[in-house]
Amino acid sequence: QVQLVESGGGLVQAGDSLRLSCAASGRTFSSYTMGWFRQAPGKEREFVAAISRSGGDTYYPDSVKDRFTISRDNRKNTVYLQMNSLKPEDTAVYYCAATGLAGPWNMNTRQYPYWGQGTQVTVSS
């Protein structure tokens, strides 16, 4: 099992940058594919980014590609989400998630059994 705690959310203006962190407990962090998801009010939780166990492969939907970057530090048991050129439509609660499935192309929430509590990101226009 792994426990996840997100941090780094906040209120920013459109065009600003923000970096989210997700700290994982346990000594097997490197065995998990890690993902970031977000959920806006009244909307379903959607995939934002994922990174393979080694960090060598990443995957993004078109909505955030070229603006968001996922990375991980397996020595620190931490995964990051660097968000640049933020837009009001990026406003949501952002969740970190972990799965034992290989590959960063796991985009379905049901593929991730472990979740953090979420961190709010609000982008004002």
N, C-alpha and C. Protein backbone atom coordinates (compact mmCIF):
# COMPACT_ATOMS: atom_id res chain seq x y z
N GLN A 1 0.83 -1.19 0.00
CA GLN A 1 0.00 0.00 0.00
C GLN A 1 0.86 1.24 0.00
N VAL A 2 0.28 2.35 -0.45
CA VAL A 2 0.98 3.61 -0.46
C VAL A 2 0.00 4.71 -0.06
N GLN A 3 0.47 5.64 0.73
CA GLN A 3 -0.34 6.79 1.11
C GLN A 3 0.23 8.04 0.43
N LEU A 4 -0.67 8.88 -0.05
CA LEU A 4 -0.28 10.03 -0.86
C LEU A 4 -0.79 11.32 -0.25
N VAL A 5 0.06 12.35 -0.23
CA VAL A 5 -0.32 13.65 0.30
C VAL A 5 0.13 14.73 -0.67
N GLU A 6 -0.86 15.46 -1.22
CA GLU A 6 -0.57 16.53 -2.16
C GLU A 6 -0.34 17.85 -1.43
N SER A 7 0.39 18.74 -2.08
CA SER A 7 0.59 20.10 -1.58
C SER A 7 0.93 21.01 -2.75
N GLY A 8 0.86 22.31 -2.49
CA GLY A 8 1.28 23.27 -3.51
C GLY A 8 0.16 23.99 -4.23
N GLY A 9 -1.07 23.64 -3.93
CA GLY A 9 -2.17 24.33 -4.58
C GLY A 9 -2.31 25.76 -4.09
N GLY A 10 -3.16 26.53 -4.76
CA GLY A 10 -3.38 27.90 -4.33
C GLY A 10 -4.15 28.70 -5.36
N LEU A 11 -4.20 30.01 -5.13
CA LEU A 11 -4.88 30.95 -6.02
C LEU A 11 -3.84 31.70 -6.82
N VAL A 12 -3.96 31.62 -8.15
CA VAL A 12 -3.04 32.32 -9.03
C VAL A 12 -3.83 33.01 -10.13
N GLN A 13 -3.15 33.86 -10.88
CA GLN A 13 -3.77 34.55 -12.00
C GLN A 13 -3.47 33.81 -13.31
N ALA A 14 -4.31 34.04 -14.27
CA ALA A 14 -4.11 33.43 -15.59
C ALA A 14 -2.72 33.78 -16.11
N GLY A 15 -2.04 32.79 -16.65
CA GLY A 15 -0.69 32.98 -17.16
C GLY A 15 0.40 32.64 -16.16
N ASP A 16 0.04 32.50 -14.89
CA ASP A 16 1.00 32.17 -13.85
C ASP A 16 1.38 30.70 -13.89
N SER A 17 2.36 30.36 -13.06
CA SER A 17 2.79 28.96 -12.92
C SER A 17 2.60 28.50 -11.49
N LEU A 18 2.52 27.19 -11.34
CA LEU A 18 2.34 26.58 -10.02
C LEU A 18 2.94 25.19 -10.08
N ARG A 19 3.55 24.75 -9.00
CA ARG A 19 4.08 23.39 -8.94
C ARG A 19 3.42 22.63 -7.80
N LEU A 20 2.81 21.54 -8.13
CA LEU A 20 2.21 20.66 -7.13
C LEU A 20 3.20 19.55 -6.79
N SER A 21 3.13 19.12 -5.53
CA SER A 21 3.95 18.00 -5.08
C SER A 21 3.05 16.94 -4.48
N CYS A 22 3.49 15.71 -4.56
CA CYS A 22 2.76 14.61 -3.95
C CYS A 22 3.79 13.71 -3.28
N ALA A 23 3.73 13.67 -1.96
CA ALA A 23 4.66 12.85 -1.18
C ALA A 23 4.02 11.50 -0.89
N ALA A 24 4.76 10.44 -1.13
CA ALA A 24 4.26 9.09 -0.92
C ALA A 24 4.97 8.42 0.24
N SER A 25 4.20 7.65 1.00
CA SER A 25 4.79 6.88 2.09
C SER A 25 5.21 5.51 1.56
N GLY A 26 6.00 4.82 2.34
CA GLY A 26 6.38 3.46 1.94
C GLY A 26 7.70 3.42 1.20
N ARG A 27 8.24 2.21 1.14
CA ARG A 27 9.55 2.04 0.52
C ARG A 27 9.49 1.49 -0.88
N THR A 28 8.26 1.41 -1.46
CA THR A 28 8.12 0.84 -2.80
C THR A 28 7.61 1.85 -3.80
N PHE A 29 7.88 3.12 -3.57
CA PHE A 29 7.38 4.18 -4.43
C PHE A 29 7.76 3.95 -5.89
N SER A 30 8.97 3.49 -6.12
CA SER A 30 9.46 3.31 -7.48
C SER A 30 8.76 2.17 -8.22
N SER A 31 7.93 1.40 -7.54
CA SER A 31 7.21 0.32 -8.20
C SER A 31 5.85 0.76 -8.71
N TYR A 32 5.50 2.03 -8.50
CA TYR A 32 4.20 2.54 -8.90
C TYR A 32 4.30 3.50 -10.08
N THR A 33 3.41 3.34 -11.03
CA THR A 33 3.15 4.40 -12.01
C THR A 33 2.33 5.46 -11.29
N MET A 34 2.69 6.72 -11.49
CA MET A 34 2.03 7.81 -10.79
C MET A 34 1.25 8.68 -11.77
N GLY A 35 0.11 9.16 -11.29
CA GLY A 35 -0.71 10.01 -12.14
C GLY A 35 -1.24 11.22 -11.40
N TRP A 36 -1.61 12.22 -12.16
CA TRP A 36 -2.32 13.38 -11.64
C TRP A 36 -3.67 13.47 -12.36
N PHE A 37 -4.69 13.76 -11.59
CA PHE A 37 -6.03 13.95 -12.11
C PHE A 37 -6.58 15.25 -11.53
N ARG A 38 -7.66 15.75 -12.10
CA ARG A 38 -8.30 16.94 -11.55
C ARG A 38 -9.82 16.82 -11.69
N GLN A 39 -10.49 17.52 -10.80
CA GLN A 39 -11.95 17.51 -10.82
C GLN A 39 -12.48 18.90 -10.54
N ALA A 40 -13.17 19.46 -11.50
CA ALA A 40 -13.81 20.76 -11.34
C ALA A 40 -15.23 20.55 -10.82
N PRO A 41 -15.81 21.56 -10.19
CA PRO A 41 -17.18 21.42 -9.66
C PRO A 41 -18.16 21.00 -10.74
N GLY A 42 -18.93 19.98 -10.44
CA GLY A 42 -19.95 19.51 -11.37
C GLY A 42 -19.44 18.70 -12.53
N LYS A 43 -18.14 18.39 -12.53
CA LYS A 43 -17.55 17.64 -13.64
C LYS A 43 -16.93 16.35 -13.14
N GLU A 44 -16.71 15.42 -14.06
CA GLU A 44 -16.06 14.18 -13.69
C GLU A 44 -14.56 14.40 -13.50
N ARG A 45 -13.96 13.51 -12.74
CA ARG A 45 -12.52 13.58 -12.55
C ARG A 45 -11.84 13.22 -13.87
N GLU A 46 -10.86 14.03 -14.27
CA GLU A 46 -10.22 13.81 -15.55
C GLU A 46 -8.70 13.66 -15.41
N PHE A 47 -8.15 12.90 -16.33
CA PHE A 47 -6.72 12.63 -16.36
C PHE A 47 -5.95 13.87 -16.78
N VAL A 48 -4.80 14.09 -16.10
CA VAL A 48 -3.97 15.26 -16.40
C VAL A 48 -2.58 14.85 -16.85
N ALA A 49 -2.00 13.86 -16.18
CA ALA A 49 -0.64 13.45 -16.54
C ALA A 49 -0.30 12.15 -15.83
N ALA A 50 0.64 11.42 -16.39
CA ALA A 50 1.13 10.21 -15.73
C ALA A 50 2.60 10.01 -16.07
N ILE A 51 3.29 9.29 -15.19
CA ILE A 51 4.71 9.06 -15.37
C ILE A 51 5.02 7.62 -14.99
N SER A 52 5.90 7.00 -15.77
CA SER A 52 6.26 5.61 -15.53
C SER A 52 7.08 5.46 -14.26
N ARG A 53 7.30 4.22 -13.88
CA ARG A 53 8.00 3.93 -12.64
C ARG A 53 9.39 4.54 -12.58
N SER A 54 10.09 4.49 -13.65
CA SER A 54 11.45 5.03 -13.68
C SER A 54 11.48 6.52 -13.96
N GLY A 55 10.36 7.07 -14.44
CA GLY A 55 10.31 8.47 -14.83
C GLY A 55 10.69 8.71 -16.27
N GLY A 56 10.97 7.65 -17.00
CA GLY A 56 11.44 7.81 -18.37
C GLY A 56 10.35 8.09 -19.38
N ASP A 57 9.13 7.76 -19.03
CA ASP A 57 8.01 7.98 -19.95
C ASP A 57 6.92 8.78 -19.27
N THR A 58 6.35 9.71 -20.00
CA THR A 58 5.24 10.52 -19.50
C THR A 58 4.12 10.56 -20.52
N TYR A 59 2.94 10.94 -20.06
CA TYR A 59 1.78 10.97 -20.97
C TYR A 59 0.84 12.07 -20.52
N TYR A 60 0.31 12.83 -21.49
CA TYR A 60 -0.58 13.95 -21.20
C TYR A 60 -1.73 13.98 -22.18
N PRO A 61 -2.87 14.50 -21.76
CA PRO A 61 -3.94 14.77 -22.73
C PRO A 61 -3.62 16.06 -23.47
N ASP A 62 -4.27 16.27 -24.59
CA ASP A 62 -4.00 17.47 -25.39
C ASP A 62 -4.29 18.76 -24.62
N SER A 63 -5.22 18.71 -23.68
CA SER A 63 -5.64 19.92 -22.97
C SER A 63 -4.52 20.54 -22.14
N VAL A 64 -3.54 19.75 -21.74
CA VAL A 64 -2.46 20.29 -20.90
C VAL A 64 -1.08 20.08 -21.51
N LYS A 65 -1.01 19.34 -22.58
CA LYS A 65 0.27 19.06 -23.22
C LYS A 65 0.96 20.37 -23.58
N ASP A 66 2.25 20.44 -23.36
CA ASP A 66 3.08 21.62 -23.62
C ASP A 66 2.93 22.69 -22.55
N ARG A 67 2.01 22.53 -21.59
CA ARG A 67 1.90 23.47 -20.48
C ARG A 67 2.24 22.81 -19.15
N PHE A 68 1.90 21.54 -19.00
CA PHE A 68 2.13 20.83 -17.75
C PHE A 68 3.27 19.82 -17.93
N THR A 69 4.03 19.62 -16.87
CA THR A 69 5.10 18.64 -16.88
C THR A 69 5.07 17.83 -15.59
N ILE A 70 5.01 16.52 -15.74
CA ILE A 70 5.06 15.64 -14.58
C ILE A 70 6.48 15.11 -14.45
N SER A 71 6.94 14.98 -13.20
CA SER A 71 8.26 14.44 -12.94
C SER A 71 8.22 13.72 -11.60
N ARG A 72 9.25 12.95 -11.32
CA ARG A 72 9.30 12.24 -10.05
C ARG A 72 10.74 12.13 -9.58
N ASP A 73 10.86 12.05 -8.25
CA ASP A 73 12.14 11.81 -7.61
C ASP A 73 11.97 10.58 -6.73
N ASN A 74 12.43 9.45 -7.20
CA ASN A 74 12.23 8.21 -6.45
C ASN A 74 13.04 8.15 -5.16
N ARG A 75 14.07 8.98 -5.06
CA ARG A 75 14.84 9.01 -3.80
C ARG A 75 14.04 9.74 -2.72
N LYS A 76 13.21 10.69 -3.15
CA LYS A 76 12.41 11.47 -2.21
C LYS A 76 10.96 10.99 -2.12
N ASN A 77 10.63 9.92 -2.87
CA ASN A 77 9.26 9.41 -2.86
C ASN A 77 8.25 10.51 -3.20
N THR A 78 8.57 11.30 -4.19
CA THR A 78 7.73 12.45 -4.52
C THR A 78 7.52 12.55 -6.03
N VAL A 79 6.30 12.91 -6.40
CA VAL A 79 5.98 13.20 -7.80
C VAL A 79 5.52 14.65 -7.87
N TYR A 80 5.85 15.31 -8.97
CA TYR A 80 5.56 16.73 -9.12
C TYR A 80 4.70 16.97 -10.37
N LEU A 81 3.99 18.09 -10.34
CA LEU A 81 3.28 18.54 -11.52
C LEU A 81 3.57 20.03 -11.68
N GLN A 82 4.40 20.36 -12.65
CA GLN A 82 4.70 21.75 -12.96
C GLN A 82 3.65 22.24 -13.95
N MET A 83 2.95 23.30 -13.58
CA MET A 83 1.87 23.83 -14.43
C MET A 83 2.22 25.25 -14.84
N ASN A 84 2.36 25.46 -16.11
CA ASN A 84 2.69 26.77 -16.66
C ASN A 84 1.53 27.31 -17.49
N SER A 85 1.55 28.61 -17.72
CA SER A 85 0.52 29.26 -18.55
C SER A 85 -0.88 28.83 -18.12
N LEU A 86 -1.12 28.94 -16.85
CA LEU A 86 -2.40 28.47 -16.31
C LEU A 86 -3.57 29.27 -16.84
N LYS A 87 -4.69 28.59 -17.02
CA LYS A 87 -5.91 29.20 -17.55
C LYS A 87 -7.02 29.03 -16.52
N PRO A 88 -8.03 29.88 -16.56
CA PRO A 88 -9.15 29.73 -15.63
C PRO A 88 -9.78 28.33 -15.70
N GLU A 89 -9.78 27.72 -16.87
CA GLU A 89 -10.37 26.39 -17.01
C GLU A 89 -9.53 25.29 -16.37
N ASP A 90 -8.34 25.64 -15.88
CA ASP A 90 -7.53 24.69 -15.13
C ASP A 90 -7.96 24.63 -13.66
N THR A 91 -8.87 25.50 -13.26
CA THR A 91 -9.35 25.52 -11.88
C THR A 91 -10.02 24.19 -11.54
N ALA A 92 -9.54 23.56 -10.46
CA ALA A 92 -10.05 22.26 -10.06
C ALA A 92 -9.33 21.81 -8.79
N VAL A 93 -9.82 20.75 -8.21
CA VAL A 93 -9.06 20.04 -7.18
C VAL A 93 -8.18 19.03 -7.91
N TYR A 94 -6.89 19.07 -7.59
CA TYR A 94 -5.93 18.19 -8.25
C TYR A 94 -5.57 17.04 -7.31
N TYR A 95 -5.62 15.83 -7.86
CA TYR A 95 -5.37 14.62 -7.10
C TYR A 95 -4.15 13.88 -7.64
N CYS A 96 -3.38 13.36 -6.74
CA CYS A 96 -2.29 12.46 -7.06
C CYS A 96 -2.81 11.03 -6.90
N ALA A 97 -2.35 10.12 -7.77
CA ALA A 97 -2.80 8.75 -7.70
C ALA A 97 -1.67 7.79 -8.07
N ALA A 98 -1.78 6.57 -7.58
CA ALA A 98 -0.75 5.56 -7.83
C ALA A 98 -1.38 4.25 -8.29
N THR A 99 -0.69 3.57 -9.20
CA THR A 99 -1.14 2.27 -9.67
C THR A 99 0.05 1.35 -9.86
N GLY A 100 -0.22 0.06 -9.65
CA GLY A 100 0.81 -0.93 -9.89
C GLY A 100 0.92 -1.31 -11.35
N LEU A 101 0.03 -0.81 -12.19
CA LEU A 101 0.07 -1.11 -13.61
C LEU A 101 1.26 -0.42 -14.26
N ALA A 102 1.87 -1.07 -15.21
CA ALA A 102 3.02 -0.49 -15.89
C ALA A 102 2.58 0.52 -16.93
N GLY A 103 3.43 1.48 -17.24
CA GLY A 103 3.17 2.41 -18.34
C GLY A 103 2.43 3.64 -17.89
N PRO A 104 2.75 4.80 -18.45
CA PRO A 104 2.09 6.05 -18.08
C PRO A 104 0.82 6.30 -18.86
N TRP A 105 0.39 5.35 -19.70
CA TRP A 105 -0.80 5.58 -20.51
C TRP A 105 -2.09 5.16 -19.83
N ASN A 106 -2.02 4.92 -18.52
CA ASN A 106 -3.21 4.58 -17.75
C ASN A 106 -3.95 5.86 -17.42
N MET A 107 -5.07 6.11 -18.11
CA MET A 107 -5.78 7.37 -17.99
C MET A 107 -7.11 7.24 -17.26
N ASN A 108 -7.49 6.04 -16.93
CA ASN A 108 -8.79 5.81 -16.30
C ASN A 108 -8.63 5.82 -14.79
N THR A 109 -9.54 6.55 -14.13
CA THR A 109 -9.45 6.63 -12.67
C THR A 109 -9.54 5.25 -12.02
N ARG A 110 -10.27 4.32 -12.67
CA ARG A 110 -10.45 2.99 -12.08
C ARG A 110 -9.16 2.17 -12.11
N GLN A 111 -8.17 2.61 -12.85
CA GLN A 111 -6.90 1.91 -12.90
C GLN A 111 -5.98 2.30 -11.74
N TYR A 112 -6.40 3.27 -10.95
CA TYR A 112 -5.58 3.78 -9.86
C TYR A 112 -6.26 3.47 -8.52
N PRO A 113 -5.73 2.55 -7.74
CA PRO A 113 -6.35 2.20 -6.46
C PRO A 113 -5.99 3.14 -5.31
N TYR A 114 -4.93 3.91 -5.46
CA TYR A 114 -4.47 4.77 -4.36
C TYR A 114 -4.57 6.24 -4.75
N TRP A 115 -5.15 7.04 -3.81
CA TRP A 115 -5.41 8.45 -4.09
C TRP A 115 -5.03 9.31 -2.90
N GLY A 116 -4.60 10.54 -3.21
CA GLY A 116 -4.41 11.53 -2.17
C GLY A 116 -5.72 12.25 -1.89
N GLN A 117 -5.67 13.22 -0.98
CA GLN A 117 -6.88 13.93 -0.57
C GLN A 117 -7.20 15.11 -1.49
N GLY A 118 -6.25 15.50 -2.32
CA GLY A 118 -6.48 16.58 -3.27
C GLY A 118 -6.00 17.92 -2.78
N THR A 119 -5.67 18.79 -3.72
CA THR A 119 -5.26 20.16 -3.41
C THR A 119 -5.94 21.10 -4.41
N GLN A 120 -6.48 22.20 -3.91
CA GLN A 120 -7.25 23.11 -4.73
C GLN A 120 -6.34 24.04 -5.53
N VAL A 121 -6.61 24.15 -6.81
CA VAL A 121 -5.95 25.12 -7.68
C VAL A 121 -7.03 26.02 -8.26
N THR A 122 -6.88 27.32 -8.04
CA THR A 122 -7.84 28.28 -8.57
C THR A 122 -7.10 29.31 -9.41
N VAL A 123 -7.54 29.45 -10.65
CA VAL A 123 -6.90 30.38 -11.58
C VAL A 123 -7.90 31.48 -11.92
N SER A 124 -7.57 32.70 -11.55
CA SER A 124 -8.45 33.83 -11.82
C SER A 124 -8.09 34.47 -13.15
N SER A 125 -9.10 35.03 -13.79
CA SER A 125 -8.89 35.66 -15.11
C SER A 125 -8.49 37.12 -14.98
